[in-house]
Amino acid sequence: MELHITNGSSAAGLLKETFQLSGDELLTVNDLLCCGPLTLQNDLNQWIKMRENYWGRILELCSIKPFPMSDLPRDFYFNYEELKEAEKVHIWLGTSLGDQMMQAFVIDFCSREAIDLSKIIVHQFHMHRQKQFEIAGVALLSPLEIKDHGSEMLLSESLIEELKSFWQAITSPTPERLVHLNQQNIEALPFLVRASCRLESRFPDRQSGLSVWEEKILTYVDQHGPKAASIIGHILGDSRYDLDLVGDLYLFALIKKLADPKLQAPLLELNSFDKEMHDTEVTVTETGAKVLSGESNMVELNGIDRHVGGISLSSDKSRVWYRVGNKVQV
């Protein structure tokens, strides 16, 4: 039997439709790995617990009841054992940070589980030939375009080592390895390195203390507010070909964090902190306007407690790294 692996339920649904796959032929990595804490954890149960805790907090902020990842259909974490018996394994990728991180995670995980990596075929999509847009995710394609199969790649020993090294870099507790990786020119994995550079945008800006997504939220609240759904819809619409695709729940939770009344100086104000996305209205506070203009610094005002890959940014522990432009200062 052949198995297919992709990132997210939308891409999985398209693959299933395109190749008329049965449920048994498809595994989905439902966990968006470019968000939240990562680690080189060898215990899968502990890993799942860590990731469920993160997404549980996101869902709670979005006024959604958390649920176990095991409830998700054909999730990779709970069905990976099938890879051992498969004759071929196909991994389907766009160029986004989430897709590229998923690739590195799967290869590192399969290597540790002694799954034969020689039977894996990577299908990498890049640029739409007719419409000339970046294929950040497989879900941006039609079934006919998916049948093109993208660029097919078998995994050599050197490529496997590069992917494992990448996973070690983004799960490292300090940013030196990530910054070093992003300065490299790995010819065989150009999309991986290009996407991983976007992870540095999650660090706070030296002037404002904002991540790129926080900066976008404050900007779009002024332009498309006050409805949270409208703000998020415009951000996602304008970012649909962006290499860093995070989704509506991540952005709504970030809005809630910027408006948290427990902050010393909230940057946003909501009509209610407990409403769902479509019922939430958002405005920028005076402090938020000053931070966005660079007159004040979010981290200096409110501190920071955030994970970027394996790195825990914490004011309380004096573990804060800033970026200037798109580059983290180490």
C-alpha atoms as a PDB file:
ATOM      1  CA  MET A   1       0.000   0.000   0.000  1.00  0.00           C
ATOM      2  CA  GLU A   2       1.090   3.579  -0.666  1.00  0.00           C
ATOM      3  CA  LEU A   3       0.541   6.321   1.923  1.00  0.00           C
ATOM      4  CA  HIS A   4       0.224  10.057   1.380  1.00  0.00           C
ATOM      5  CA  ILE A   5       1.133  12.706   3.972  1.00  0.00           C
ATOM      6  CA  THR A   6       0.284  16.395   3.840  1.00  0.00           C
ATOM      7  CA  ASN A   7      -0.130  19.410   6.091  1.00  0.00           C
ATOM      8  CA  GLY A   8      -3.659  20.319   7.203  1.00  0.00           C
ATOM      9  CA  SER A   9      -7.169  19.084   6.497  1.00  0.00           C
ATOM     10  CA  SER A  10      -7.791  21.302   3.429  1.00  0.00           C
ATOM     11  CA  ALA A  11      -4.774  19.917   1.581  1.00  0.00           C
ATOM     12  CA  ALA A  12      -5.696  16.405   2.708  1.00  0.00           C
ATOM     13  CA  GLY A  13      -9.201  16.769   1.310  1.00  0.00           C
ATOM     14  CA  LEU A  14      -7.834  17.902  -2.057  1.00  0.00           C
ATOM     15  CA  LEU A  15      -5.404  14.981  -2.242  1.00  0.00           C
ATOM     16  CA  LYS A  16      -8.181  12.559  -1.387  1.00  0.00           C
ATOM     17  CA  GLU A  17     -10.374  14.017  -4.141  1.00  0.00           C
ATOM     18  CA  THR A  18      -7.548  14.215  -6.700  1.00  0.00           C
ATOM     19  CA  PHE A  19      -6.312  10.646  -6.408  1.00  0.00           C
ATOM     20  CA  GLN A  20      -9.554   9.055  -5.161  1.00  0.00           C
ATOM     21  CA  LEU A  21      -7.771   7.908  -2.019  1.00  0.00           C
ATOM     22  CA  SER A  22      -9.441   5.793   0.603  1.00  0.00           C
ATOM     23  CA  GLY A  23      -9.202   6.995   4.190  1.00  0.00           C
ATOM     24  CA  ASP A  24      -6.546   4.375   4.872  1.00  0.00           C
ATOM     25  CA  GLU A  25      -4.193   5.849   2.275  1.00  0.00           C
ATOM     26  CA  LEU A  26      -3.914   9.339   3.750  1.00  0.00           C
ATOM     27  CA  LEU A  27      -2.247  10.725   6.885  1.00  0.00           C
ATOM     28  CA  THR A  28      -2.610  14.369   7.905  1.00  0.00           C
ATOM     29  CA  VAL A  29      -0.295  16.442  10.061  1.00  0.00           C
ATOM     30  CA  ASN A  30      -3.035  18.567  11.635  1.00  0.00           C
ATOM     31  CA  ASP A  31      -0.619  20.302  13.997  1.00  0.00           C
ATOM     32  CA  LEU A  32       0.596  23.634  12.539  1.00  0.00           C
ATOM     33  CA  LEU A  33       4.203  23.338  13.671  1.00  0.00           C
ATOM     34  CA  CYS A  34       5.190  26.921  12.844  1.00  0.00           C
ATOM     35  CA  CYS A  35       3.102  28.025  15.850  1.00  0.00           C
ATOM     36  CA  GLY A  36       3.872  27.380  19.503  1.00  0.00           C
ATOM     37  CA  PRO A  37       6.604  25.490  21.378  1.00  0.00           C
ATOM     38  CA  LEU A  38       8.802  22.812  19.820  1.00  0.00           C
ATOM     39  CA  THR A  39      11.366  20.473  21.327  1.00  0.00           C
ATOM     40  CA  LEU A  40      13.582  17.538  20.423  1.00  0.00           C
ATOM     41  CA  GLN A  41      11.348  15.433  22.649  1.00  0.00           C
ATOM     42  CA  ASN A  42      11.780  11.717  21.949  1.00  0.00           C
ATOM     43  CA  ASP A  43       8.638  10.716  23.856  1.00  0.00           C
ATOM     44  CA  LEU A  44       5.667  11.069  21.490  1.00  0.00           C
ATOM     45  CA  ASN A  45       3.125  11.143  24.330  1.00  0.00           C
ATOM     46  CA  GLN A  46       4.901  14.059  25.973  1.00  0.00           C
ATOM     47  CA  TRP A  47       5.175  15.801  22.609  1.00  0.00           C
ATOM     48  CA  ILE A  48       1.428  15.416  21.969  1.00  0.00           C
ATOM     49  CA  LYS A  49       0.661  16.704  25.465  1.00  0.00           C
ATOM     50  CA  MET A  50       2.853  19.781  24.907  1.00  0.00           C
ATOM     51  CA  ARG A  51       1.238  20.544  21.559  1.00  0.00           C
ATOM     52  CA  GLU A  52      -2.316  19.889  22.840  1.00  0.00           C
ATOM     53  CA  ASN A  53      -1.696  22.249  25.758  1.00  0.00           C
ATOM     54  CA  TYR A  54      -0.593  24.978  23.366  1.00  0.00           C
ATOM     55  CA  TRP A  55      -3.542  24.610  20.994  1.00  0.00           C
ATOM     56  CA  GLY A  56      -5.890  24.193  23.949  1.00  0.00           C
ATOM     57  CA  ARG A  57      -4.901  27.661  25.179  1.00  0.00           C
ATOM     58  CA  ILE A  58      -5.380  29.071  21.674  1.00  0.00           C
ATOM     59  CA  LEU A  59      -8.848  27.520  21.396  1.00  0.00           C
ATOM     60  CA  GLU A  60      -9.847  28.790  24.842  1.00  0.00           C
ATOM     61  CA  LEU A  61      -8.779  32.320  23.897  1.00  0.00           C
ATOM     62  CA  CYS A  62     -10.986  31.957  20.813  1.00  0.00           C
ATOM     63  CA  SER A  63     -13.925  30.830  22.987  1.00  0.00           C
ATOM     64  CA  ILE A  64     -13.767  27.301  21.564  1.00  0.00           C
ATOM     65  CA  LYS A  65     -13.789  24.198  23.753  1.00  0.00           C
ATOM     66  CA  PRO A  66     -10.426  22.348  23.437  1.00  0.00           C
ATOM     67  CA  PHE A  67     -10.431  18.771  22.157  1.00  0.00           C
ATOM     68  CA  PRO A  68      -7.796  16.004  21.970  1.00  0.00           C
ATOM     69  CA  MET A  69      -5.781  15.658  18.764  1.00  0.00           C
ATOM     70  CA  SER A  70      -6.847  12.022  18.629  1.00  0.00           C
ATOM     71  CA  ASP A  71     -10.307  13.274  17.584  1.00  0.00           C
ATOM     72  CA  LEU A  72      -8.866  14.531  14.287  1.00  0.00           C
ATOM     73  CA  PRO A  73      -9.333  12.094  11.385  1.00  0.00           C
ATOM     74  CA  ARG A  74      -6.289  10.126  10.242  1.00  0.00           C
ATOM     75  CA  ASP A  75      -3.882  12.262  12.267  1.00  0.00           C
ATOM     76  CA  PHE A  76      -0.185  11.490  11.721  1.00  0.00           C
ATOM     77  CA  TYR A  77       0.607  11.298  15.447  1.00  0.00           C
ATOM     78  CA  PHE A  78      -1.823   8.431  16.004  1.00  0.00           C
ATOM     79  CA  ASN A  79      -1.343   6.467  12.778  1.00  0.00           C
ATOM     80  CA  TYR A  80       2.374   6.772  11.961  1.00  0.00           C
ATOM     81  CA  GLU A  81       2.968   3.056  12.612  1.00  0.00           C
ATOM     82  CA  GLU A  82       1.329   2.382   9.233  1.00  0.00           C
ATOM     83  CA  LEU A  83       4.375   3.939   7.557  1.00  0.00           C
ATOM     84  CA  LYS A  84       6.446   0.896   8.455  1.00  0.00           C
ATOM     85  CA  GLU A  85       4.370  -1.392   6.237  1.00  0.00           C
ATOM     86  CA  ALA A  86       3.796   1.018   3.334  1.00  0.00           C
ATOM     87  CA  GLU A  87       5.612   0.290   0.068  1.00  0.00           C
ATOM     88  CA  LYS A  88       5.846   3.993  -0.824  1.00  0.00           C
ATOM     89  CA  VAL A  89       5.230   7.187   1.146  1.00  0.00           C
ATOM     90  CA  HIS A  90       4.401  10.456  -0.623  1.00  0.00           C
ATOM     91  CA  ILE A  91       4.866  13.802   1.174  1.00  0.00           C
ATOM     92  CA  TRP A  92       3.045  16.740  -0.464  1.00  0.00           C
ATOM     93  CA  LEU A  93       4.389  20.248   0.176  1.00  0.00           C
ATOM     94  CA  GLY A  94       3.948  23.897  -0.626  1.00  0.00           C
ATOM     95  CA  THR A  95       6.637  26.456   0.109  1.00  0.00           C
ATOM     96  CA  SER A  96       5.193  27.800   3.378  1.00  0.00           C
ATOM     97  CA  LEU A  97       7.005  27.713   6.687  1.00  0.00           C
ATOM     98  CA  GLY A  98       4.431  25.287   8.096  1.00  0.00           C
ATOM     99  CA  ASP A  99       4.839  22.854   5.189  1.00  0.00           C
ATOM    100  CA  GLN A 100       8.627  22.983   5.283  1.00  0.00           C
ATOM    101  CA  MET A 101       8.700  22.468   9.053  1.00  0.00           C
ATOM    102  CA  MET A 102       6.296  19.552   8.671  1.00  0.00           C
ATOM    103  CA  GLN A 103       8.686  17.949   6.184  1.00  0.00           C
ATOM    104  CA  ALA A 104      11.635  18.262   8.579  1.00  0.00           C
ATOM    105  CA  PHE A 105       9.568  16.973  11.503  1.00  0.00           C
ATOM    106  CA  VAL A 106       8.309  13.919   9.591  1.00  0.00           C
ATOM    107  CA  ILE A 107      11.802  12.985   8.359  1.00  0.00           C
ATOM    108  CA  ASP A 108      13.381  13.434  11.790  1.00  0.00           C
ATOM    109  CA  PHE A 109      10.538  11.503  13.422  1.00  0.00           C
ATOM    110  CA  CYS A 110      10.666   8.641  10.894  1.00  0.00           C
ATOM    111  CA  SER A 111      14.428   8.422  11.279  1.00  0.00           C
ATOM    112  CA  ARG A 112      14.072   7.998  15.044  1.00  0.00           C
ATOM    113  CA  GLU A 113      11.304   5.429  14.559  1.00  0.00           C
ATOM    114  CA  ALA A 114      13.529   3.421  12.160  1.00  0.00           C
ATOM    115  CA  ILE A 115      11.120   3.854   9.241  1.00  0.00           C
ATOM    116  CA  ASP A 116      12.780   3.234   5.872  1.00  0.00           C
ATOM    117  CA  LEU A 117      13.330   6.720   4.413  1.00  0.00           C
ATOM    118  CA  SER A 118      14.310   5.393   0.975  1.00  0.00           C
ATOM    119  CA  LYS A 119      10.641   4.742   0.159  1.00  0.00           C
ATOM    120  CA  ILE A 120       9.673   8.386   0.704  1.00  0.00           C
ATOM    121  CA  ILE A 121       8.967  10.610  -2.311  1.00  0.00           C
ATOM    122  CA  VAL A 122       8.682  14.353  -1.651  1.00  0.00           C
ATOM    123  CA  HIS A 123       6.383  16.314  -3.986  1.00  0.00           C
ATOM    124  CA  GLN A 124       7.347  19.986  -3.807  1.00  0.00           C
ATOM    125  CA  PHE A 125       5.173  22.665  -5.435  1.00  0.00           C
ATOM    126  CA  HIS A 126       6.626  26.131  -5.975  1.00  0.00           C
ATOM    127  CA  MET A 127       5.242  28.522  -8.579  1.00  0.00           C
ATOM    128  CA  HIS A 128       1.911  28.268 -10.401  1.00  0.00           C
ATOM    129  CA  ARG A 129       2.815  27.989 -14.077  1.00  0.00           C
ATOM    130  CA  GLN A 130      -0.180  29.825 -15.541  1.00  0.00           C
ATOM    131  CA  LYS A 131      -1.165  32.284 -12.832  1.00  0.00           C
ATOM    132  CA  GLN A 132       2.366  32.913 -11.563  1.00  0.00           C
ATOM    133  CA  PHE A 133       1.729  32.931  -7.829  1.00  0.00           C
ATOM    134  CA  GLU A 134       3.661  31.287  -5.040  1.00  0.00           C
ATOM    135  CA  ILE A 135       2.194  27.921  -4.038  1.00  0.00           C
ATOM    136  CA  ALA A 136       2.592  28.359  -0.293  1.00  0.00           C
ATOM    137  CA  GLY A 137       0.253  25.439   0.395  1.00  0.00           C
ATOM    138  CA  VAL A 138      -1.191  22.482  -1.505  1.00  0.00           C
ATOM    139  CA  ALA A 139      -4.701  23.750  -0.719  1.00  0.00           C
ATOM    140  CA  LEU A 140      -4.116  26.633  -3.161  1.00  0.00           C
ATOM    141  CA  LEU A 141      -4.133  24.170  -6.071  1.00  0.00           C
ATOM    142  CA  SER A 142      -6.874  22.468  -8.066  1.00  0.00           C
ATOM    143  CA  PRO A 143      -6.994  18.666  -8.396  1.00  0.00           C
ATOM    144  CA  LEU A 144      -5.740  18.967 -11.980  1.00  0.00           C
ATOM    145  CA  GLU A 145      -2.745  20.999 -10.820  1.00  0.00           C
ATOM    146  CA  ILE A 146      -1.988  18.537  -8.035  1.00  0.00           C
ATOM    147  CA  LYS A 147      -1.865  15.736 -10.627  1.00  0.00           C
ATOM    148  CA  ASP A 148       1.174  17.512 -12.050  1.00  0.00           C
ATOM    149  CA  HIS A 149       2.917  16.028  -8.961  1.00  0.00           C
ATOM    150  CA  GLY A 150       5.209  19.036  -8.473  1.00  0.00           C
ATOM    151  CA  SER A 151       8.961  18.500  -8.336  1.00  0.00           C
ATOM    152  CA  GLU A 152       9.605  14.943  -7.140  1.00  0.00           C
ATOM    153  CA  MET A 153      12.560  14.288  -4.867  1.00  0.00           C
ATOM    154  CA  LEU A 154      13.972  11.127  -3.300  1.00  0.00           C
ATOM    155  CA  LEU A 155      15.829  11.497  -0.020  1.00  0.00           C
ATOM    156  CA  SER A 156      19.568  10.948  -0.193  1.00  0.00           C
ATOM    157  CA  GLU A 157      21.600  10.494   2.988  1.00  0.00           C
ATOM    158  CA  SER A 158      22.901  14.057   2.707  1.00  0.00           C
ATOM    159  CA  LEU A 159      19.376  15.463   2.342  1.00  0.00           C
ATOM    160  CA  ILE A 160      18.199  13.485   5.349  1.00  0.00           C
ATOM    161  CA  GLU A 161      21.035  14.901   7.427  1.00  0.00           C
ATOM    162  CA  GLU A 162      20.214  18.433   6.245  1.00  0.00           C
ATOM    163  CA  LEU A 163      16.564  18.011   7.238  1.00  0.00           C
ATOM    164  CA  LYS A 164      17.479  16.588  10.632  1.00  0.00           C
ATOM    165  CA  SER A 165      19.942  19.436  11.172  1.00  0.00           C
ATOM    166  CA  PHE A 166      17.208  21.925  10.296  1.00  0.00           C
ATOM    167  CA  TRP A 167      14.845  20.350  12.834  1.00  0.00           C
ATOM    168  CA  GLN A 168      17.558  20.529  15.486  1.00  0.00           C
ATOM    169  CA  ALA A 169      18.118  24.210  14.678  1.00  0.00           C
ATOM    170  CA  ILE A 170      14.475  25.262  14.994  1.00  0.00           C
ATOM    171  CA  THR A 171      13.998  23.262  18.196  1.00  0.00           C
ATOM    172  CA  SER A 172      17.171  24.656  19.771  1.00  0.00           C
ATOM    173  CA  PRO A 173      16.532  26.664  22.991  1.00  0.00           C
ATOM    174  CA  THR A 174      18.595  29.627  21.728  1.00  0.00           C
ATOM    175  CA  PRO A 175      18.511  31.321  18.286  1.00  0.00           C
ATOM    176  CA  GLU A 176      22.158  30.945  17.232  1.00  0.00           C
ATOM    177  CA  ARG A 177      21.604  27.741  15.237  1.00  0.00           C
ATOM    178  CA  LEU A 178      18.494  29.116  13.548  1.00  0.00           C
ATOM    179  CA  VAL A 179      20.274  32.318  12.539  1.00  0.00           C
ATOM    180  CA  HIS A 180      23.264  30.335  11.272  1.00  0.00           C
ATOM    181  CA  LEU A 181      20.992  28.007   9.288  1.00  0.00           C
ATOM    182  CA  ASN A 182      19.231  30.948   7.661  1.00  0.00           C
ATOM    183  CA  GLN A 183      22.575  32.262   6.423  1.00  0.00           C
ATOM    184  CA  GLN A 184      23.364  29.029   4.617  1.00  0.00           C
ATOM    185  CA  ASN A 185      22.827  28.207   0.949  1.00  0.00           C
ATOM    186  CA  ILE A 186      21.535  24.645   0.889  1.00  0.00           C
ATOM    187  CA  GLU A 187      21.015  24.135  -2.837  1.00  0.00           C
ATOM    188  CA  ALA A 188      19.001  20.928  -2.467  1.00  0.00           C
ATOM    189  CA  LEU A 189      16.556  22.507   0.040  1.00  0.00           C
ATOM    190  CA  PRO A 190      16.091  26.116  -1.093  1.00  0.00           C
ATOM    191  CA  PHE A 191      12.457  26.367   0.000  1.00  0.00           C
ATOM    192  CA  LEU A 192      13.202  25.124   3.499  1.00  0.00           C
ATOM    193  CA  VAL A 193      15.879  27.740   4.194  1.00  0.00           C
ATOM    194  CA  ARG A 194      13.872  30.519   2.549  1.00  0.00           C
ATOM    195  CA  ALA A 195      10.822  29.694   4.665  1.00  0.00           C
ATOM    196  CA  SER A 196      12.760  29.289   7.913  1.00  0.00           C
ATOM    197  CA  CYS A 197      13.957  32.894   7.602  1.00  0.00           C
ATOM    198  CA  ARG A 198      10.332  33.875   8.247  1.00  0.00           C
ATOM    199  CA  LEU A 199      10.526  32.321  11.701  1.00  0.00           C
ATOM    200  CA  GLU A 200      12.792  35.204  12.695  1.00  0.00           C
ATOM    201  CA  SER A 201       9.891  37.606  12.070  1.00  0.00           C
ATOM    202  CA  ARG A 202       8.195  36.150  15.171  1.00  0.00           C
ATOM    203  CA  PHE A 203      10.848  37.782  17.358  1.00  0.00           C
ATOM    204  CA  PRO A 204      10.121  41.264  18.747  1.00  0.00           C
ATOM    205  CA  ASP A 205      11.320  44.245  16.725  1.00  0.00           C
ATOM    206  CA  ARG A 206      14.091  46.200  18.475  1.00  0.00           C
ATOM    207  CA  GLN A 207      12.179  49.493  18.157  1.00  0.00           C
ATOM    208  CA  SER A 208       8.543  48.527  18.750  1.00  0.00           C
ATOM    209  CA  GLY A 209       8.816  45.138  20.470  1.00  0.00           C
ATOM    210  CA  LEU A 210       6.243  43.744  18.027  1.00  0.00           C
ATOM    211  CA  SER A 211       6.376  40.579  15.980  1.00  0.00           C
ATOM    212  CA  VAL A 212       5.455  40.966  12.323  1.00  0.00           C
ATOM    213  CA  TRP A 213       1.999  39.473  12.969  1.00  0.00           C
ATOM    214  CA  GLU A 214       1.369  41.811  15.901  1.00  0.00           C
ATOM    215  CA  GLU A 215       2.379  44.736  13.710  1.00  0.00           C
ATOM    216  CA  LYS A 216      -0.013  43.579  10.979  1.00  0.00           C
ATOM    217  CA  ILE A 217      -2.875  43.263  13.449  1.00  0.00           C
ATOM    218  CA  LEU A 218      -2.429  46.794  14.795  1.00  0.00           C
ATOM    219  CA  THR A 219      -2.177  48.163  11.245  1.00  0.00           C
ATOM    220  CA  TYR A 220      -5.249  46.299   9.973  1.00  0.00           C
ATOM    221  CA  VAL A 221      -7.393  47.240  12.974  1.00  0.00           C
ATOM    222  CA  ASP A 222      -7.090  50.864  11.864  1.00  0.00           C
ATOM    223  CA  GLN A 223      -7.705  50.025   8.214  1.00  0.00           C
ATOM    224  CA  HIS A 224     -10.437  47.362   8.444  1.00  0.00           C
ATOM    225  CA  GLY A 225     -11.825  47.459  12.006  1.00  0.00           C
ATOM    226  CA  PRO A 226     -13.663  47.286  14.209  1.00  0.00           C
ATOM    227  CA  LYS A 227     -14.970  43.760  13.409  1.00  0.00           C
ATOM    228  CA  ALA A 228     -12.351  41.126  14.339  1.00  0.00           C
ATOM    229  CA  ALA A 229     -13.562  38.804  11.568  1.00  0.00           C
ATOM    230  CA  SER A 230     -13.083  41.543   8.967  1.00  0.00           C
ATOM    231  CA  ILE A 231      -9.609  42.416  10.280  1.00  0.00           C
ATOM    232  CA  ILE A 232      -8.495  38.775  10.233  1.00  0.00           C
ATOM    233  CA  GLY A 233     -10.103  38.119   6.857  1.00  0.00           C
ATOM    234  CA  HIS A 234      -8.210  41.005   5.263  1.00  0.00           C
ATOM    235  CA  ILE A 235      -4.919  39.914   6.854  1.00  0.00           C
ATOM    236  CA  LEU A 236      -5.322  36.347   5.614  1.00  0.00           C
ATOM    237  CA  GLY A 237      -6.515  37.451   2.188  1.00  0.00           C
ATOM    238  CA  ASP A 238      -3.513  39.728   1.698  1.00  0.00           C
ATOM    239  CA  SER A 239      -1.175  37.033   3.057  1.00  0.00           C
ATOM    240  CA  ARG A 240      -2.527  34.001   1.188  1.00  0.00           C
ATOM    241  CA  TYR A 241       0.709  33.551  -0.772  1.00  0.00           C
ATOM    242  CA  ASP A 242       2.902  34.455   2.194  1.00  0.00           C
ATOM    243  CA  LEU A 243       5.429  31.858   3.338  1.00  0.00           C
ATOM    244  CA  ASP A 244       4.276  32.272   6.934  1.00  0.00           C
ATOM    245  CA  LEU A 245       0.663  31.050   6.989  1.00  0.00           C
ATOM    246  CA  VAL A 246      -0.783  30.975  10.510  1.00  0.00           C
ATOM    247  CA  GLY A 247      -4.579  30.837  10.245  1.00  0.00           C
ATOM    248  CA  ASP A 248      -7.525  32.673  11.777  1.00  0.00           C
ATOM    249  CA  LEU A 249      -7.384  31.095  15.241  1.00  0.00           C
ATOM    250  CA  TYR A 250      -3.742  32.082  15.734  1.00  0.00           C
ATOM    251  CA  LEU A 251      -4.537  35.686  14.749  1.00  0.00           C
ATOM    252  CA  PHE A 252      -7.681  35.916  16.880  1.00  0.00           C
ATOM    253  CA  ALA A 253      -5.808  34.564  19.894  1.00  0.00           C
ATOM    254  CA  LEU A 254      -3.072  37.130  19.243  1.00  0.00           C
ATOM    255  CA  ILE A 255      -5.696  39.890  19.207  1.00  0.00           C
ATOM    256  CA  LYS A 256      -6.939  38.633  22.582  1.00  0.00           C
ATOM    257  CA  LYS A 257      -3.387  38.607  23.954  1.00  0.00           C
ATOM    258  CA  LEU A 258      -2.766  42.192  22.820  1.00  0.00           C
ATOM    259  CA  ALA A 259      -6.035  43.228  24.491  1.00  0.00           C
ATOM    260  CA  ASP A 260      -5.539  41.244  27.704  1.00  0.00           C
ATOM    261  CA  PRO A 261      -6.718  43.496  30.581  1.00  0.00           C
ATOM    262  CA  LYS A 262      -4.029  41.889  32.765  1.00  0.00           C
ATOM    263  CA  LEU A 263      -1.346  43.616  30.688  1.00  0.00           C
ATOM    264  CA  GLN A 264       0.249  46.692  32.183  1.00  0.00           C
ATOM    265  CA  ALA A 265      -0.581  48.559  28.974  1.00  0.00           C
ATOM    266  CA  PRO A 266      -2.945  46.752  26.534  1.00  0.00           C
ATOM    267  CA  LEU A 267      -2.443  47.644  22.872  1.00  0.00           C
ATOM    268  CA  LEU A 268      -5.996  46.797  21.843  1.00  0.00           C
ATOM    269  CA  GLU A 269      -9.430  47.177  23.390  1.00  0.00           C
ATOM    270  CA  LEU A 270     -12.325  44.757  22.785  1.00  0.00           C
ATOM    271  CA  ASN A 271     -16.069  45.208  23.201  1.00  0.00           C
ATOM    272  CA  SER A 272     -15.906  41.937  25.188  1.00  0.00           C
ATOM    273  CA  PHE A 273     -13.028  39.621  25.964  1.00  0.00           C
ATOM    274  CA  ASP A 274     -15.205  36.491  25.921  1.00  0.00           C
ATOM    275  CA  LYS A 275     -17.055  36.813  22.611  1.00  0.00           C
ATOM    276  CA  GLU A 276     -16.376  34.689  19.544  1.00  0.00           C
ATOM    277  CA  MET A 277     -14.603  36.116  16.506  1.00  0.00           C
ATOM    278  CA  HIS A 278     -17.690  37.307  14.590  1.00  0.00           C
ATOM    279  CA  ASP A 279     -19.059  39.129  17.649  1.00  0.00           C
ATOM    280  CA  THR A 280     -15.801  40.781  18.695  1.00  0.00           C
ATOM    281  CA  GLU A 281     -15.005  44.407  17.912  1.00  0.00           C
ATOM    282  CA  VAL A 282     -11.461  45.756  18.199  1.00  0.00           C
ATOM    283  CA  THR A 283      -9.930  49.209  18.558  1.00  0.00           C
ATOM    284  CA  VAL A 284      -6.335  50.350  19.019  1.00  0.00           C
ATOM    285  CA  THR A 285      -5.519  51.974  22.346  1.00  0.00           C
ATOM    286  CA  GLU A 286      -3.380  55.091  22.658  1.00  0.00           C
ATOM    287  CA  THR A 287      -0.551  52.835  23.810  1.00  0.00           C
ATOM    288  CA  GLY A 288      -1.037  50.586  20.804  1.00  0.00           C
ATOM    289  CA  ALA A 289      -0.730  53.558  18.445  1.00  0.00           C
ATOM    290  CA  LYS A 290       2.501  54.654  20.138  1.00  0.00           C
ATOM    291  CA  VAL A 291       3.958  51.143  19.939  1.00  0.00           C
ATOM    292  CA  LEU A 292       3.029  50.809  16.272  1.00  0.00           C
ATOM    293  CA  SER A 293       4.759  54.098  15.483  1.00  0.00           C
ATOM    294  CA  GLY A 294       7.871  53.030  17.398  1.00  0.00           C
ATOM    295  CA  GLU A 295       7.442  55.625  20.148  1.00  0.00           C
ATOM    296  CA  SER A 296       7.013  52.883  22.768  1.00  0.00           C
ATOM    297  CA  ASN A 297       8.159  49.267  23.043  1.00  0.00           C
ATOM    298  CA  MET A 298       5.695  46.442  23.662  1.00  0.00           C
ATOM    299  CA  VAL A 299       8.217  44.256  25.510  1.00  0.00           C
ATOM    300  CA  GLU A 300       9.399  47.074  27.766  1.00  0.00           C
ATOM    301  CA  LEU A 301       5.802  47.951  28.621  1.00  0.00           C
ATOM    302  CA  ASN A 302       4.318  44.478  29.077  1.00  0.00           C
ATOM    303  CA  GLY A 303       7.136  41.957  29.015  1.00  0.00           C
ATOM    304  CA  ILE A 304       7.126  38.906  26.781  1.00  0.00           C
ATOM    305  CA  ASP A 305       6.275  35.235  27.255  1.00  0.00           C
ATOM    306  CA  ARG A 306       6.337  33.506  23.860  1.00  0.00           C
ATOM    307  CA  HIS A 307       7.775  30.482  22.109  1.00  0.00           C
ATOM    308  CA  VAL A 308       9.435  30.715  18.717  1.00  0.00           C
ATOM    309  CA  GLY A 309      10.186  27.119  17.822  1.00  0.00           C
ATOM    310  CA  GLY A 310      12.273  25.742  20.668  1.00  0.00           C
ATOM    311  CA  ILE A 311      13.117  29.196  22.010  1.00  0.00           C
ATOM    312  CA  SER A 312      11.281  30.494  25.051  1.00  0.00           C
ATOM    313  CA  LEU A 313      11.270  34.295  25.011  1.00  0.00           C
ATOM    314  CA  SER A 314      10.757  35.411  28.601  1.00  0.00           C
ATOM    315  CA  SER A 315      11.219  38.799  30.238  1.00  0.00           C
ATOM    316  CA  ASP A 316      10.979  37.186  33.678  1.00  0.00           C
ATOM    317  CA  LYS A 317      13.946  34.938  32.858  1.00  0.00           C
ATOM    318  CA  SER A 318      15.877  37.695  31.016  1.00  0.00           C
ATOM    319  CA  ARG A 319      15.713  35.651  27.805  1.00  0.00           C
ATOM    320  CA  VAL A 320      14.793  38.179  25.134  1.00  0.00           C
ATOM    321  CA  TRP A 321      16.273  38.365  21.643  1.00  0.00           C
ATOM    322  CA  TYR A 322      15.319  41.177  19.305  1.00  0.00           C
ATOM    323  CA  ARG A 323      15.385  41.489  15.554  1.00  0.00           C
ATOM    324  CA  VAL A 324      16.407  44.427  13.437  1.00  0.00           C
ATOM    325  CA  GLY A 325      14.455  44.314  10.196  1.00  0.00           C
ATOM    326  CA  ASN A 326      14.126  40.596   9.444  1.00  0.00           C
ATOM    327  CA  LYS A 327      17.247  39.413  11.263  1.00  0.00           C
ATOM    328  CA  VAL A 328      17.552  38.344  14.891  1.00  0.00           C
ATOM    329  CA  GLN A 329      20.489  39.832  16.786  1.00  0.00           C
ATOM    330  CA  VAL A 330      22.489  37.145  18.608  1.00  0.00           C
END
